[in-house]
Amino acid sequence: MAERSPRSRAGNAMGRTRTAALDGARRVLAEHGLRKATMGDVAVRGGLAKATLYNHFRTKDDLVAGLLADDAAELGADCRDLARDDLAVALTRAADGVAAHPVLVGLRTVEPTALLAAAAPGTGAGWDVVRAQVALVLDAADRSRDDLHVDLVCRWLASHVLEPGTRDSRAAQARSVAAAVPAAVRTTAFAAPTA
């Protein structure tokens, strides 16, 4: 049996530590909100030493950005797979993910004003992370991913942060949004025939 290198074990440990930190952050943010959450609370809920948490995330803002990026990437991957067959189904999945996200659900109850500020279109790195994922989903669906259409989908998703509606209403809206995003325009360069 081949021995594993210490480097891969260290990489695995770092990944597990990051996962524990993000899981702790999800729980603490859902329960206490952004303002009352502390790095110490996150460390305890993640089963980590506070110094270990700080080795991965220097500030609470860094931790929240890491959580958003991680969750957006996971939801984006799910939606890209679905978008290849049906963009409306993918958009419904994205809206369902936003509506049921434990941190967002908790913040709707505990700290709605912070949630409103965080969900405002065009604000901060979180918006950029979501825009990037939406662009990848539209690309997987072979749909236009210009700024207008990416923003349309992002703003529609942001509307579900504060007012998630019902599963049926999200599905109906997703069909309308999908219909509003045209197929991607593909250009092909033709070489002039040589004589």
N, C-alpha and C. Protein backbone atom coordinates (compact mmCIF):
# COMPACT_ATOMS: atom_id res chain seq x y z
N MET A 1 0.84 -1.17 0.00
CA MET A 1 0.00 0.00 0.00
C MET A 1 0.89 1.24 0.00
N ALA A 2 0.59 2.16 -0.89
CA ALA A 2 1.38 3.39 -1.00
C ALA A 2 1.03 4.34 0.14
N GLU A 3 2.07 4.98 0.68
CA GLU A 3 1.86 5.93 1.77
C GLU A 3 1.46 7.28 1.19
N ARG A 4 0.49 7.92 1.84
CA ARG A 4 0.07 9.24 1.38
C ARG A 4 1.07 10.29 1.84
N SER A 5 1.20 11.29 1.02
CA SER A 5 2.13 12.35 1.39
C SER A 5 1.52 13.21 2.49
N PRO A 6 2.36 13.80 3.34
CA PRO A 6 1.84 14.68 4.39
C PRO A 6 1.10 15.87 3.79
N ARG A 7 1.50 16.28 2.61
CA ARG A 7 0.87 17.43 1.97
C ARG A 7 -0.62 17.17 1.72
N SER A 8 -0.97 15.98 1.22
CA SER A 8 -2.38 15.71 0.94
C SER A 8 -3.17 15.59 2.24
N ARG A 9 -2.58 15.03 3.29
CA ARG A 9 -3.27 14.95 4.57
C ARG A 9 -3.50 16.35 5.13
N ALA A 10 -2.50 17.22 4.98
CA ALA A 10 -2.65 18.59 5.45
C ALA A 10 -3.74 19.31 4.66
N GLY A 11 -3.77 19.08 3.35
CA GLY A 11 -4.81 19.68 2.52
C GLY A 11 -6.19 19.21 2.92
N ASN A 12 -6.32 17.91 3.21
CA ASN A 12 -7.61 17.38 3.65
C ASN A 12 -8.02 17.98 4.98
N ALA A 13 -7.06 18.11 5.90
CA ALA A 13 -7.36 18.70 7.20
C ALA A 13 -7.80 20.16 7.05
N MET A 14 -7.15 20.89 6.17
CA MET A 14 -7.53 22.28 5.95
C MET A 14 -8.95 22.37 5.38
N GLY A 15 -9.26 21.47 4.46
CA GLY A 15 -10.60 21.43 3.89
C GLY A 15 -11.65 21.12 4.94
N ARG A 16 -11.35 20.16 5.82
CA ARG A 16 -12.29 19.81 6.90
C ARG A 16 -12.46 20.98 7.86
N THR A 17 -11.37 21.67 8.15
CA THR A 17 -11.44 22.82 9.05
C THR A 17 -12.29 23.93 8.44
N ARG A 18 -12.09 24.19 7.16
CA ARG A 18 -12.88 25.22 6.48
C ARG A 18 -14.36 24.84 6.49
N THR A 19 -14.65 23.58 6.21
CA THR A 19 -16.04 23.11 6.22
C THR A 19 -16.65 23.27 7.60
N ALA A 20 -15.91 22.92 8.65
CA ALA A 20 -16.41 23.07 10.02
C ALA A 20 -16.67 24.54 10.34
N ALA A 21 -15.78 25.42 9.90
CA ALA A 21 -15.97 26.85 10.15
C ALA A 21 -17.23 27.36 9.44
N LEU A 22 -17.42 26.97 8.20
CA LEU A 22 -18.60 27.42 7.45
C LEU A 22 -19.88 26.84 8.03
N ASP A 23 -19.83 25.59 8.47
CA ASP A 23 -21.02 25.00 9.11
C ASP A 23 -21.35 25.73 10.41
N GLY A 24 -20.33 26.05 11.18
CA GLY A 24 -20.54 26.83 12.41
C GLY A 24 -21.13 28.19 12.10
N ALA A 25 -20.62 28.83 11.06
CA ALA A 25 -21.12 30.15 10.67
C ALA A 25 -22.59 30.07 10.25
N ARG A 26 -22.96 29.03 9.51
CA ARG A 26 -24.37 28.88 9.10
C ARG A 26 -25.28 28.84 10.32
N ARG A 27 -24.89 28.05 11.30
CA ARG A 27 -25.73 27.90 12.50
C ARG A 27 -25.81 29.22 13.29
N VAL A 28 -24.67 29.83 13.51
CA VAL A 28 -24.64 31.05 14.33
C VAL A 28 -25.37 32.20 13.64
N LEU A 29 -25.13 32.38 12.35
CA LEU A 29 -25.78 33.47 11.63
C LEU A 29 -27.29 33.27 11.57
N ALA A 30 -27.72 32.03 11.39
CA ALA A 30 -29.16 31.74 11.34
C ALA A 30 -29.83 32.03 12.68
N GLU A 31 -29.11 31.78 13.78
CA GLU A 31 -29.68 31.96 15.11
C GLU A 31 -29.57 33.38 15.64
N HIS A 32 -28.42 34.03 15.38
CA HIS A 32 -28.14 35.31 16.02
C HIS A 32 -28.12 36.52 15.09
N GLY A 33 -28.06 36.30 13.79
CA GLY A 33 -27.95 37.41 12.86
C GLY A 33 -26.51 37.85 12.67
N LEU A 34 -26.33 38.80 11.79
CA LEU A 34 -24.98 39.26 11.45
C LEU A 34 -24.35 40.06 12.57
N ARG A 35 -25.09 40.95 13.17
CA ARG A 35 -24.51 41.86 14.17
C ARG A 35 -24.13 41.15 15.46
N LYS A 36 -24.97 40.23 15.91
CA LYS A 36 -24.71 39.57 17.19
C LYS A 36 -23.79 38.35 17.08
N ALA A 37 -23.59 37.86 15.88
CA ALA A 37 -22.70 36.71 15.71
C ALA A 37 -21.27 37.13 15.99
N THR A 38 -20.56 36.26 16.67
CA THR A 38 -19.14 36.53 16.94
C THR A 38 -18.30 35.40 16.38
N MET A 39 -17.04 35.70 16.15
CA MET A 39 -16.12 34.67 15.69
C MET A 39 -15.98 33.58 16.75
N GLY A 40 -16.04 33.95 18.03
CA GLY A 40 -15.97 32.96 19.10
C GLY A 40 -17.13 32.00 19.05
N ASP A 41 -18.34 32.52 18.79
CA ASP A 41 -19.53 31.66 18.67
C ASP A 41 -19.37 30.70 17.49
N VAL A 42 -18.86 31.23 16.38
CA VAL A 42 -18.67 30.39 15.19
C VAL A 42 -17.67 29.28 15.48
N ALA A 43 -16.58 29.62 16.16
CA ALA A 43 -15.56 28.61 16.49
C ALA A 43 -16.16 27.51 17.35
N VAL A 44 -16.92 27.89 18.37
CA VAL A 44 -17.53 26.90 19.26
C VAL A 44 -18.49 26.02 18.48
N ARG A 45 -19.38 26.61 17.67
CA ARG A 45 -20.36 25.83 16.92
C ARG A 45 -19.72 24.97 15.84
N GLY A 46 -18.55 25.39 15.35
CA GLY A 46 -17.83 24.60 14.36
C GLY A 46 -16.89 23.58 14.97
N GLY A 47 -16.77 23.59 16.31
CA GLY A 47 -15.87 22.65 16.99
C GLY A 47 -14.40 22.97 16.75
N LEU A 48 -14.10 24.25 16.66
CA LEU A 48 -12.73 24.70 16.36
C LEU A 48 -12.20 25.59 17.46
N ALA A 49 -10.89 25.67 17.54
CA ALA A 49 -10.28 26.68 18.39
C ALA A 49 -10.43 28.03 17.68
N LYS A 50 -10.60 29.07 18.46
CA LYS A 50 -10.78 30.40 17.88
C LYS A 50 -9.58 30.78 17.00
N ALA A 51 -8.38 30.44 17.44
CA ALA A 51 -7.18 30.75 16.65
C ALA A 51 -7.20 30.01 15.32
N THR A 52 -7.70 28.80 15.31
CA THR A 52 -7.79 28.03 14.06
C THR A 52 -8.76 28.70 13.10
N LEU A 53 -9.89 29.16 13.63
CA LEU A 53 -10.85 29.87 12.79
C LEU A 53 -10.20 31.11 12.17
N TYR A 54 -9.45 31.86 12.99
CA TYR A 54 -8.79 33.06 12.47
C TYR A 54 -7.70 32.75 11.46
N ASN A 55 -7.15 31.56 11.48
CA ASN A 55 -6.17 31.16 10.46
C ASN A 55 -6.83 31.04 9.09
N HIS A 56 -8.11 30.74 9.07
CA HIS A 56 -8.84 30.56 7.82
C HIS A 56 -9.60 31.82 7.40
N PHE A 57 -10.14 32.54 8.37
CA PHE A 57 -10.93 33.74 8.10
C PHE A 57 -10.52 34.82 9.08
N ARG A 58 -9.94 35.88 8.57
CA ARG A 58 -9.42 36.95 9.43
C ARG A 58 -10.50 37.79 10.10
N THR A 59 -11.63 37.95 9.42
CA THR A 59 -12.71 38.79 9.94
C THR A 59 -14.05 38.10 9.73
N LYS A 60 -15.05 38.63 10.39
CA LYS A 60 -16.41 38.11 10.21
C LYS A 60 -16.86 38.34 8.77
N ASP A 61 -16.48 39.48 8.19
CA ASP A 61 -16.82 39.75 6.78
C ASP A 61 -16.21 38.71 5.85
N ASP A 62 -14.94 38.32 6.13
CA ASP A 62 -14.29 37.28 5.32
C ASP A 62 -15.04 35.96 5.45
N LEU A 63 -15.49 35.66 6.65
CA LEU A 63 -16.23 34.42 6.91
C LEU A 63 -17.56 34.42 6.16
N VAL A 64 -18.28 35.52 6.22
CA VAL A 64 -19.58 35.62 5.53
C VAL A 64 -19.35 35.53 4.02
N ALA A 65 -18.31 36.19 3.51
CA ALA A 65 -18.01 36.11 2.07
C ALA A 65 -17.67 34.68 1.67
N GLY A 66 -16.90 33.98 2.50
CA GLY A 66 -16.57 32.58 2.22
C GLY A 66 -17.79 31.69 2.23
N LEU A 67 -18.69 31.94 3.17
CA LEU A 67 -19.93 31.17 3.26
C LEU A 67 -20.78 31.40 2.02
N LEU A 68 -20.93 32.65 1.63
CA LEU A 68 -21.72 32.98 0.45
C LEU A 68 -21.12 32.35 -0.80
N ALA A 69 -19.82 32.46 -0.95
CA ALA A 69 -19.16 31.90 -2.13
C ALA A 69 -19.35 30.38 -2.18
N ASP A 70 -19.18 29.73 -1.04
CA ASP A 70 -19.31 28.27 -0.97
C ASP A 70 -20.74 27.83 -1.30
N ASP A 71 -21.71 28.47 -0.68
CA ASP A 71 -23.11 28.09 -0.91
C ASP A 71 -23.57 28.44 -2.32
N ALA A 72 -23.13 29.60 -2.83
CA ALA A 72 -23.51 29.99 -4.19
C ALA A 72 -22.91 29.03 -5.22
N ALA A 73 -21.67 28.61 -4.99
CA ALA A 73 -21.03 27.68 -5.92
C ALA A 73 -21.74 26.33 -5.92
N GLU A 74 -22.13 25.86 -4.75
CA GLU A 74 -22.84 24.58 -4.66
C GLU A 74 -24.21 24.65 -5.34
N LEU A 75 -24.96 25.70 -5.05
CA LEU A 75 -26.26 25.87 -5.69
C LEU A 75 -26.10 26.09 -7.19
N GLY A 76 -25.08 26.85 -7.58
CA GLY A 76 -24.82 27.08 -9.00
C GLY A 76 -24.53 25.80 -9.75
N ALA A 77 -23.75 24.91 -9.14
CA ALA A 77 -23.43 23.64 -9.79
C ALA A 77 -24.70 22.80 -9.99
N ASP A 78 -25.56 22.76 -8.96
CA ASP A 78 -26.84 22.05 -9.10
C ASP A 78 -27.66 22.62 -10.24
N CYS A 79 -27.72 23.94 -10.28
CA CYS A 79 -28.54 24.62 -11.30
C CYS A 79 -27.96 24.47 -12.70
N ARG A 80 -26.65 24.46 -12.83
CA ARG A 80 -26.04 24.26 -14.16
C ARG A 80 -26.42 22.91 -14.73
N ASP A 81 -26.40 21.89 -13.90
CA ASP A 81 -26.79 20.56 -14.36
C ASP A 81 -28.25 20.56 -14.83
N LEU A 82 -29.12 21.21 -14.08
CA LEU A 82 -30.53 21.27 -14.46
C LEU A 82 -30.76 22.15 -15.68
N ALA A 83 -29.97 23.23 -15.82
CA ALA A 83 -30.17 24.19 -16.90
C ALA A 83 -29.91 23.60 -18.27
N ARG A 84 -29.08 22.57 -18.34
CA ARG A 84 -28.80 21.94 -19.63
C ARG A 84 -30.08 21.37 -20.25
N ASP A 85 -31.01 20.95 -19.40
CA ASP A 85 -32.27 20.39 -19.88
C ASP A 85 -33.42 21.40 -19.87
N ASP A 86 -33.49 22.24 -18.83
CA ASP A 86 -34.63 23.14 -18.69
C ASP A 86 -34.25 24.31 -17.78
N LEU A 87 -34.12 25.49 -18.37
CA LEU A 87 -33.72 26.67 -17.59
C LEU A 87 -34.74 27.00 -16.51
N ALA A 88 -36.02 26.85 -16.79
CA ALA A 88 -37.05 27.17 -15.79
C ALA A 88 -36.91 26.27 -14.55
N VAL A 89 -36.60 25.01 -14.75
CA VAL A 89 -36.39 24.10 -13.62
C VAL A 89 -35.16 24.55 -12.82
N ALA A 90 -34.12 24.94 -13.51
CA ALA A 90 -32.90 25.40 -12.83
C ALA A 90 -33.18 26.67 -12.03
N LEU A 91 -33.92 27.59 -12.61
CA LEU A 91 -34.23 28.84 -11.91
C LEU A 91 -35.14 28.58 -10.71
N THR A 92 -36.07 27.65 -10.85
CA THR A 92 -36.91 27.27 -9.72
C THR A 92 -36.05 26.72 -8.59
N ARG A 93 -35.10 25.87 -8.94
CA ARG A 93 -34.18 25.31 -7.93
C ARG A 93 -33.39 26.42 -7.25
N ALA A 94 -32.92 27.39 -8.02
CA ALA A 94 -32.16 28.50 -7.44
C ALA A 94 -33.03 29.31 -6.48
N ALA A 95 -34.26 29.63 -6.91
CA ALA A 95 -35.17 30.39 -6.05
C ALA A 95 -35.54 29.61 -4.80
N ASP A 96 -35.75 28.30 -4.94
CA ASP A 96 -36.03 27.46 -3.77
C ASP A 96 -34.84 27.46 -2.81
N GLY A 97 -33.63 27.42 -3.37
CA GLY A 97 -32.42 27.45 -2.54
C GLY A 97 -32.30 28.75 -1.77
N VAL A 98 -32.61 29.87 -2.43
CA VAL A 98 -32.57 31.17 -1.76
C VAL A 98 -33.65 31.23 -0.68
N ALA A 99 -34.85 30.79 -1.02
CA ALA A 99 -35.99 30.87 -0.09
C ALA A 99 -35.78 30.02 1.16
N ALA A 100 -35.09 28.89 1.02
CA ALA A 100 -34.94 27.96 2.14
C ALA A 100 -33.55 28.01 2.78
N HIS A 101 -32.67 28.87 2.31
CA HIS A 101 -31.31 28.91 2.86
C HIS A 101 -31.39 29.22 4.36
N PRO A 102 -30.78 28.39 5.21
CA PRO A 102 -30.95 28.55 6.65
C PRO A 102 -30.51 29.92 7.19
N VAL A 103 -29.45 30.47 6.64
CA VAL A 103 -29.01 31.78 7.10
C VAL A 103 -30.02 32.85 6.72
N LEU A 104 -30.51 32.80 5.48
CA LEU A 104 -31.48 33.79 5.04
C LEU A 104 -32.80 33.67 5.81
N VAL A 105 -33.22 32.44 6.05
CA VAL A 105 -34.44 32.22 6.83
C VAL A 105 -34.27 32.80 8.23
N GLY A 106 -33.12 32.52 8.84
CA GLY A 106 -32.86 33.05 10.18
C GLY A 106 -32.80 34.57 10.20
N LEU A 107 -32.14 35.14 9.22
CA LEU A 107 -32.02 36.60 9.18
C LEU A 107 -33.35 37.28 8.91
N ARG A 108 -34.23 36.64 8.15
CA ARG A 108 -35.57 37.22 7.93
C ARG A 108 -36.28 37.43 9.26
N THR A 109 -36.03 36.54 10.22
CA THR A 109 -36.67 36.62 11.52
C THR A 109 -35.88 37.49 12.49
N VAL A 110 -34.57 37.29 12.55
CA VAL A 110 -33.73 37.92 13.57
C VAL A 110 -33.30 39.33 13.19
N GLU A 111 -32.94 39.53 11.94
CA GLU A 111 -32.31 40.80 11.54
C GLU A 111 -32.69 41.19 10.11
N PRO A 112 -33.96 41.47 9.87
CA PRO A 112 -34.40 41.75 8.49
C PRO A 112 -33.74 42.98 7.86
N THR A 113 -33.37 43.98 8.65
CA THR A 113 -32.75 45.17 8.05
C THR A 113 -31.38 44.86 7.48
N ALA A 114 -30.61 44.01 8.16
CA ALA A 114 -29.31 43.60 7.63
C ALA A 114 -29.49 42.77 6.37
N LEU A 115 -30.52 41.96 6.36
CA LEU A 115 -30.82 41.13 5.20
C LEU A 115 -31.20 42.00 4.00
N LEU A 116 -31.98 43.01 4.24
CA LEU A 116 -32.37 43.92 3.18
C LEU A 116 -31.14 44.59 2.57
N ALA A 117 -30.23 45.04 3.40
CA ALA A 117 -29.01 45.68 2.91
C ALA A 117 -28.16 44.69 2.13
N ALA A 118 -28.07 43.46 2.61
CA ALA A 118 -27.23 42.45 1.95
C ALA A 118 -27.80 42.01 0.62
N ALA A 119 -29.13 42.06 0.47
CA ALA A 119 -29.77 41.58 -0.76
C ALA A 119 -29.95 42.68 -1.80
N ALA A 120 -29.56 43.89 -1.46
CA ALA A 120 -29.74 44.99 -2.41
C ALA A 120 -28.90 44.75 -3.66
N PRO A 121 -29.52 44.86 -4.84
CA PRO A 121 -28.79 44.62 -6.08
C PRO A 121 -27.57 45.52 -6.23
N GLY A 122 -26.49 44.92 -6.69
CA GLY A 122 -25.28 45.66 -6.99
C GLY A 122 -24.41 45.97 -5.80
N THR A 123 -24.71 45.38 -4.63
CA THR A 123 -23.94 45.71 -3.44
C THR A 123 -22.95 44.63 -3.08
N GLY A 124 -21.71 45.00 -3.01
CA GLY A 124 -20.69 44.16 -2.44
C GLY A 124 -20.28 42.94 -3.24
N ALA A 125 -19.34 42.23 -2.63
CA ALA A 125 -18.76 41.05 -3.26
C ALA A 125 -19.79 39.94 -3.40
N GLY A 126 -20.78 39.89 -2.50
CA GLY A 126 -21.80 38.86 -2.60
C GLY A 126 -22.57 38.93 -3.90
N TRP A 127 -22.87 40.13 -4.31
CA TRP A 127 -23.58 40.32 -5.58
C TRP A 127 -22.73 39.80 -6.73
N ASP A 128 -21.44 40.06 -6.70
CA ASP A 128 -20.53 39.60 -7.75
C ASP A 128 -20.46 38.08 -7.80
N VAL A 129 -20.46 37.44 -6.64
CA VAL A 129 -20.43 35.98 -6.57
C VAL A 129 -21.69 35.40 -7.20
N VAL A 130 -22.83 35.96 -6.86
CA VAL A 130 -24.10 35.47 -7.40
C VAL A 130 -24.16 35.71 -8.91
N ARG A 131 -23.74 36.89 -9.35
CA ARG A 131 -23.74 37.21 -10.79
C ARG A 131 -22.90 36.19 -11.57
N ALA A 132 -21.74 35.85 -11.03
CA ALA A 132 -20.86 34.89 -11.71
C ALA A 132 -21.54 33.53 -11.84
N GLN A 133 -22.22 33.08 -10.79
CA GLN A 133 -22.92 31.80 -10.83
C GLN A 133 -24.09 31.83 -11.81
N VAL A 134 -24.83 32.93 -11.81
CA VAL A 134 -25.96 33.06 -12.74
C VAL A 134 -25.46 33.03 -14.18
N ALA A 135 -24.35 33.71 -14.46
CA ALA A 135 -23.79 33.70 -15.81
C ALA A 135 -23.42 32.28 -16.23
N LEU A 136 -22.87 31.49 -15.32
CA LEU A 136 -22.52 30.10 -15.65
C LEU A 136 -23.77 29.25 -15.91
N VAL A 137 -24.83 29.49 -15.15
CA VAL A 137 -26.09 28.75 -15.35
C VAL A 137 -26.68 29.11 -16.71
N LEU A 138 -26.70 30.40 -17.05
CA LEU A 138 -27.25 30.80 -18.35
C LEU A 138 -26.41 30.23 -19.49
N ASP A 139 -25.11 30.18 -19.30
CA ASP A 139 -24.25 29.60 -20.32
C ASP A 139 -24.54 28.11 -20.50
N ALA A 140 -24.74 27.40 -19.39
CA ALA A 140 -25.06 25.96 -19.45
C ALA A 140 -26.38 25.73 -20.18
N ALA A 141 -27.30 26.70 -20.06
CA ALA A 141 -28.60 26.58 -20.73
C ALA A 141 -28.55 27.08 -22.17
N ASP A 142 -27.37 27.52 -22.60
CA ASP A 142 -27.17 28.10 -23.93
C ASP A 142 -28.09 29.30 -24.12
N ARG A 143 -28.12 30.15 -23.09
CA ARG A 143 -28.91 31.37 -23.11
C ARG A 143 -28.00 32.58 -23.05
N SER A 144 -28.54 33.71 -23.42
CA SER A 144 -27.79 34.96 -23.38
C SER A 144 -27.30 35.22 -21.96
N ARG A 145 -26.04 35.56 -21.83
CA ARG A 145 -25.52 35.88 -20.51
C ARG A 145 -24.93 37.28 -20.50
N ASP A 146 -25.56 38.17 -21.28
CA ASP A 146 -25.11 39.56 -21.25
C ASP A 146 -25.55 40.18 -19.92
N ASP A 147 -25.02 41.36 -19.63
CA ASP A 147 -25.28 41.99 -18.33
C ASP A 147 -26.77 42.16 -18.03
N LEU A 148 -27.54 42.53 -19.03
CA LEU A 148 -28.97 42.75 -18.83
C LEU A 148 -29.66 41.48 -18.34
N HIS A 149 -29.39 40.36 -18.99
CA HIS A 149 -30.08 39.12 -18.63
C HIS A 149 -29.55 38.53 -17.33
N VAL A 150 -28.26 38.66 -17.09
CA VAL A 150 -27.71 38.20 -15.81
C VAL A 150 -28.32 39.01 -14.67
N ASP A 151 -28.39 40.34 -14.85
CA ASP A 151 -28.99 41.19 -13.81
C ASP A 151 -30.47 40.89 -13.61
N LEU A 152 -31.18 40.61 -14.69
CA LEU A 152 -32.60 40.25 -14.57
C LEU A 152 -32.77 39.05 -13.65
N VAL A 153 -32.00 38.01 -13.90
CA VAL A 153 -32.10 36.79 -13.09
C VAL A 153 -31.66 37.07 -11.65
N CYS A 154 -30.57 37.83 -11.47
CA CYS A 154 -30.08 38.13 -10.12
C CYS A 154 -31.10 38.93 -9.32
N ARG A 155 -31.69 39.92 -9.95
CA ARG A 155 -32.69 40.74 -9.24
C ARG A 155 -33.92 39.91 -8.89
N TRP A 156 -34.30 39.01 -9.79
CA TRP A 156 -35.44 38.13 -9.50
C TRP A 156 -35.10 37.23 -8.31
N LEU A 157 -33.90 36.67 -8.30
CA LEU A 157 -33.49 35.82 -7.16
C LEU A 157 -33.45 36.63 -5.87
N ALA A 158 -32.94 37.86 -5.94
CA ALA A 158 -32.85 38.71 -4.74
C ALA A 158 -34.24 38.98 -4.16
N SER A 159 -35.25 39.01 -5.02
CA SER A 159 -36.61 39.26 -4.52
C SER A 159 -37.08 38.15 -3.58
N HIS A 160 -36.49 36.97 -3.69
CA HIS A 160 -36.89 35.84 -2.84
C HIS A 160 -36.17 35.82 -1.50
N VAL A 161 -35.24 36.73 -1.32
CA VAL A 161 -34.53 36.79 -0.05
C VAL A 161 -35.49 37.26 1.05
N LEU A 162 -36.21 38.33 0.82
CA LEU A 162 -37.13 38.86 1.83
C LEU A 162 -38.54 38.31 1.71
N GLU A 163 -38.97 38.02 0.49
CA GLU A 163 -40.33 37.54 0.26
C GLU A 163 -40.27 36.30 -0.62
N PRO A 164 -40.04 35.13 0.01
CA PRO A 164 -39.83 33.92 -0.78
C PRO A 164 -41.06 33.40 -1.50
N GLY A 165 -42.25 33.76 -1.07
CA GLY A 165 -43.44 33.24 -1.73
C GLY A 165 -43.59 31.74 -1.53
N THR A 166 -44.36 31.13 -2.41
CA THR A 166 -44.59 29.68 -2.33
C THR A 166 -43.80 28.98 -3.42
N ARG A 167 -43.69 27.69 -3.30
CA ARG A 167 -43.00 26.88 -4.30
C ARG A 167 -43.66 27.06 -5.66
N ASP A 168 -44.99 27.04 -5.69
CA ASP A 168 -45.72 27.20 -6.95
C ASP A 168 -45.50 28.57 -7.56
N SER A 169 -45.48 29.62 -6.72
CA SER A 169 -45.27 30.96 -7.27
C SER A 169 -43.84 31.11 -7.80
N ARG A 170 -42.87 30.51 -7.12
CA ARG A 170 -41.48 30.56 -7.61
C ARG A 170 -41.36 29.83 -8.94
N ALA A 171 -42.02 28.69 -9.08
CA ALA A 171 -41.96 27.92 -10.33
C ALA A 171 -42.61 28.70 -11.48
N ALA A 172 -43.73 29.33 -11.22
CA ALA A 172 -44.41 30.12 -12.27
C ALA A 172 -43.55 31.31 -12.67
N GLN A 173 -42.98 31.98 -11.71
CA GLN A 173 -42.10 33.11 -12.01
C GLN A 173 -40.86 32.65 -12.78
N ALA A 174 -40.32 31.49 -12.40
CA ALA A 174 -39.13 30.97 -13.08
C ALA A 174 -39.41 30.72 -14.55
N ARG A 175 -40.59 30.21 -14.86
CA ARG A 175 -40.95 29.99 -16.27
C ARG A 175 -40.98 31.32 -17.03
N SER A 176 -41.51 32.37 -16.39
CA SER A 176 -41.56 33.69 -17.04
C SER A 176 -40.17 34.27 -17.24
N VAL A 177 -39.33 34.14 -16.22
CA VAL A 177 -37.97 34.67 -16.33
C VAL A 177 -37.20 33.89 -17.39
N ALA A 178 -37.33 32.58 -17.41
CA ALA A 178 -36.64 31.77 -18.42
C ALA A 178 -37.07 32.16 -19.82
N ALA A 179 -38.35 32.45 -19.99
CA ALA A 179 -38.85 32.85 -21.31
C ALA A 179 -38.30 34.21 -21.73
N ALA A 180 -37.94 35.05 -20.76
CA ALA A 180 -37.43 36.39 -21.05
C ALA A 180 -35.95 36.40 -21.43
N VAL A 181 -35.27 35.28 -21.20
CA VAL A 181 -33.83 35.21 -21.50
C VAL A 181 -33.68 34.47 -22.83
N PRO A 182 -33.31 35.19 -23.88
CA PRO A 182 -33.23 34.58 -25.20
C PRO A 182 -32.06 33.60 -25.34
N ALA A 183 -32.15 32.80 -26.38
CA ALA A 183 -31.06 31.88 -26.69
C ALA A 183 -29.80 32.68 -26.99
N ALA A 184 -28.67 32.09 -26.68
CA ALA A 184 -27.39 32.75 -26.94
C ALA A 184 -27.18 32.89 -28.43
N VAL A 185 -26.58 33.98 -28.81
CA VAL A 185 -26.25 34.21 -30.22
C VAL A 185 -24.84 33.69 -30.45
N ARG A 186 -24.73 32.75 -31.32
CA ARG A 186 -23.41 32.17 -31.62
C ARG A 186 -22.99 32.63 -33.00
N THR A 187 -21.78 33.09 -33.11
CA THR A 187 -21.27 33.49 -34.41
C THR A 187 -20.17 32.52 -34.81
N THR A 188 -20.12 32.26 -36.07
CA THR A 188 -19.11 31.35 -36.60
C THR A 188 -18.32 32.10 -37.67
N ALA A 189 -17.04 32.03 -37.53
CA ALA A 189 -16.19 32.70 -38.53
C ALA A 189 -16.00 31.72 -39.71
N PHE A 190 -16.31 32.21 -40.89
CA PHE A 190 -16.14 31.39 -42.09
C PHE A 190 -14.86 31.81 -42.79
N ALA A 191 -14.06 30.88 -43.09
CA ALA A 191 -12.82 31.18 -43.81
C ALA A 191 -13.15 31.26 -45.30
N ALA A 192 -12.55 32.22 -45.94
CA ALA A 192 -12.76 32.35 -47.38
C ALA A 192 -12.10 31.17 -48.11
N PRO A 193 -12.81 30.59 -49.05
CA PRO A 193 -12.21 29.45 -49.76
C PRO A 193 -10.96 29.89 -50.50
N THR A 194 -10.00 29.01 -50.48
CA THR A 194 -8.76 29.31 -51.22
C THR A 194 -8.84 28.70 -52.60
N ALA A 195 -8.20 29.36 -53.54
CA ALA A 195 -8.26 28.90 -54.92
C ALA A 195 -7.23 27.86 -55.21
